[in-house]
Protein backbone atom coordinates (compact mmCIF):
# COMPACT_ATOMS: atom_id res chain seq x y z
CA MET A 1 121.97 125.76 174.82
CA CYS A 2 123.28 122.26 174.02
CA ASN A 3 120.67 120.33 175.89
CA PHE A 4 117.90 119.64 173.35
CA ASN A 5 115.46 118.59 175.98
CA LEU A 6 115.62 121.95 177.81
CA GLN A 7 114.77 123.88 174.62
CA ASN A 8 111.30 125.26 174.28
CA ASP A 9 109.04 123.74 171.58
CA ALA A 10 109.60 126.45 169.04
CA ALA A 11 113.40 126.27 169.45
CA LYS A 12 113.22 122.35 169.19
CA ALA A 13 111.28 122.62 165.86
CA LEU A 14 113.59 125.24 164.38
CA LEU A 15 116.81 123.51 165.48
CA SER A 16 115.43 120.22 164.12
CA SER A 17 114.54 121.89 160.86
CA ILE A 18 118.05 123.54 160.55
CA ILE A 19 119.92 120.40 161.32
CA LYS A 20 117.77 118.21 159.02
CA GLN A 21 118.24 120.68 156.14
CA ALA A 22 122.02 120.61 156.66
CA ALA A 23 122.03 116.83 156.78
CA GLN A 24 119.92 116.70 153.62
CA THR A 25 122.19 119.18 151.76
CA LEU A 26 125.28 117.12 152.69
CA GLY A 27 123.84 113.80 151.62
CA GLY A 28 122.16 112.51 154.74
CA ALA A 29 122.17 112.30 158.52
CA ASN A 30 125.10 109.87 158.65
CA PHE A 31 127.29 112.32 156.72
CA LEU A 32 126.54 115.16 159.16
CA LEU A 33 126.91 112.91 162.20
CA GLY A 34 130.20 111.56 160.95
CA LEU A 35 131.54 115.05 160.47
CA ILE A 36 130.45 115.99 164.04
CA GLU A 37 132.14 112.90 165.42
CA THR A 38 135.31 113.79 163.60
CA ILE A 39 135.20 117.25 164.98
CA ARG A 40 134.81 115.89 168.49
CA GLN A 41 137.76 113.44 168.06
CA ASN A 42 140.19 116.27 167.14
CA LYS A 43 141.81 117.62 170.22
CA PRO A 44 142.26 120.49 170.83
CA THR A 45 139.48 121.93 168.77
CA PRO A 46 139.98 121.87 165.03
CA LEU A 47 138.90 125.48 164.87
CA THR A 48 142.32 126.67 165.89
CA SER A 49 144.15 124.59 163.25
CA SER A 50 146.39 126.57 161.03
CA LYS A 51 145.41 124.34 158.06
CA CYS A 52 141.76 125.67 158.24
CA THR A 53 140.48 122.32 157.07
CA LEU A 54 139.15 119.06 158.54
CA THR A 55 138.42 115.90 156.69
CA SER A 56 135.92 113.25 157.75
CA GLU A 57 134.99 110.03 156.05
CA HIS A 58 132.36 111.61 153.83
CA ALA A 59 132.98 115.36 154.02
CA ILE A 60 135.60 118.11 153.92
CA LEU A 61 135.16 121.10 156.20
CA SER A 62 137.19 124.20 155.50
CA TRP A 63 137.17 127.88 156.53
CA ASN A 64 138.68 131.04 155.11
CA LYS A 65 140.53 132.48 158.12
CA ILE A 66 142.72 131.24 160.94
CA ILE A 67 141.02 131.40 164.29
CA PHE A 68 143.63 132.19 166.99
CA LYS A 69 143.32 130.55 170.42
CA ASP A 70 142.56 133.80 172.21
CA LYS A 71 139.53 134.48 169.95
CA PHE A 72 138.40 130.88 170.30
CA LEU A 73 138.60 131.07 174.08
CA ALA A 74 136.63 134.38 174.03
CA LEU A 75 133.91 132.64 171.94
CA GLU A 76 133.90 129.58 174.25
CA GLU A 77 133.58 131.92 177.29
CA ALA A 78 130.67 133.85 175.67
CA LEU A 79 128.88 130.57 174.95
CA SER A 80 129.44 129.23 178.42
CA LEU A 81 127.87 132.32 179.91
CA HIS A 82 124.67 131.25 178.05
CA LYS A 83 125.04 127.53 178.60
CA SER A 84 121.67 127.24 180.37
CA ALA A 85 119.79 129.18 177.69
CA ASP A 86 116.53 127.51 176.85
CA ASN A 87 116.43 129.06 173.40
CA TYR A 88 119.05 129.03 170.66
CA ASP A 89 118.87 132.73 169.75
CA PHE A 90 120.22 134.15 172.98
CA ASN A 91 121.97 137.54 172.76
CA LEU A 92 125.77 137.32 173.17
CA LEU A 93 125.90 140.95 174.06
CA ASP A 94 123.46 140.65 176.91
CA LEU A 95 126.23 141.12 179.52
CA THR A 96 126.34 143.31 182.66
CA SER A 97 130.12 143.56 182.80
CA GLU A 98 131.51 146.21 180.30
CA LYS A 99 134.83 144.48 180.27
CA LYS A 100 133.34 141.19 179.21
CA LYS A 101 131.05 142.92 176.58
CA LYS A 102 134.15 144.77 175.15
CA ARG A 103 136.03 141.42 174.83
CA VAL A 104 132.95 139.71 173.16
CA ILE A 105 132.60 142.68 170.72
CA GLY A 106 136.25 142.36 169.73
CA MET A 107 135.81 138.56 169.23
CA ILE A 108 132.71 139.14 167.15
CA LYS A 109 134.45 141.68 164.90
CA THR A 110 137.31 139.30 164.41
CA LEU A 111 135.33 136.22 163.69
CA ALA A 112 132.43 137.66 161.71
CA PRO A 113 134.19 137.30 158.32
CA VAL A 114 134.96 133.65 158.94
CA GLU A 115 133.02 131.42 156.52
CA PHE A 116 132.82 127.66 156.81
CA THR A 117 132.34 125.47 153.72
CA ILE A 118 131.30 121.79 154.06
CA LYS A 119 131.61 119.71 150.89
CA PRO A 120 130.82 116.04 150.45
CA LYS A 121 133.80 114.13 149.24
CA ASN A 122 131.63 112.66 146.48
CA THR A 123 129.55 115.44 144.88
CA ALA A 124 126.92 112.89 143.92
CA HIS A 125 125.99 112.45 147.55
CA GLY A 126 125.10 116.10 148.22
CA ASP A 127 125.81 119.74 147.80
CA GLU A 128 128.13 122.24 149.37
CA LEU A 129 126.96 124.00 152.55
CA LYS A 130 128.27 127.38 153.70
CA LEU A 131 127.78 128.98 157.16
CA HIS A 132 129.04 131.73 159.31
CA ILE A 133 129.61 131.79 163.08
CA PHE A 134 127.10 134.49 163.74
CA GLU A 135 123.54 134.73 162.56
CA THR A 136 122.99 138.35 163.44
CA ILE A 137 125.27 141.19 164.34
CA ASP A 138 123.82 144.65 165.14
CA PHE A 139 126.06 146.65 167.52
CA GLU A 140 123.76 149.66 167.39
CA ALA A 141 120.93 147.51 168.77
CA ASN A 142 123.36 145.75 171.17
CA ARG A 143 122.46 142.36 169.66
CA ALA A 144 124.51 139.47 168.33
CA THR A 145 123.27 135.91 167.95
CA ILE A 146 125.18 132.82 167.10
CA ASN A 147 124.46 130.51 164.22
CA PRO A 148 122.74 127.38 165.78
CA LEU A 149 124.25 125.10 163.08
CA PHE A 150 127.74 126.35 163.99
CA VAL A 151 127.11 125.69 167.71
CA THR A 152 125.76 122.23 166.89
CA LEU A 153 128.73 121.33 164.83
CA PHE A 154 131.52 122.56 167.14
CA PHE A 155 130.07 122.71 170.71
CA CYS A 156 127.13 120.38 171.17
CA SER A 157 127.30 116.63 171.50
CA VAL A 158 126.55 114.09 168.85
CA GLU A 159 123.56 113.11 171.06
CA PHE A 160 122.15 116.65 170.69
CA SER A 161 122.29 116.29 166.90
CA LYS A 162 120.64 112.86 166.96
CA LYS A 163 117.77 114.19 169.03
CA ALA A 164 117.38 117.10 166.74
CA LEU A 165 117.34 114.79 163.70
CA LYS A 166 114.72 112.49 165.29
CA HIS A 167 112.52 115.29 166.55
CA GLU A 168 109.05 115.53 165.00
CA ALA A 169 107.21 118.83 165.37
């Protein structure tokens, strides 16, 4: 999932496109990479901060709902189950254990309304970017996929982002 080299060619192209678009919207690759580095420096994860905000050198990241540690840990566990996925759009609900699936469904229902907003400090540098944690949620079809930009920002390394930004299709 967070190893760019293991992704198939279509996934590499799409991830590269998504990350390049986000960087362009925010004012450039350095703005996005700086934000990712700031996220990595904050321990424990900034997602569980009660302030629901994080400020980097060039951007401000905020979200509309507190993410409690138990839901973050459930999200982290769901992602770790798919760590070796060679495609970004793996199904979070593709689980054999009903107990784990029930926990993941509860986490998805809780975190689905969370919306992240990234704003450049200087509006002349770029525009605001909004994103959600999940890309698709369809409980009837037993399918839920995570937003690849969200995973890139909060779970993948800076090196992953650099490779995606340099990738040429």
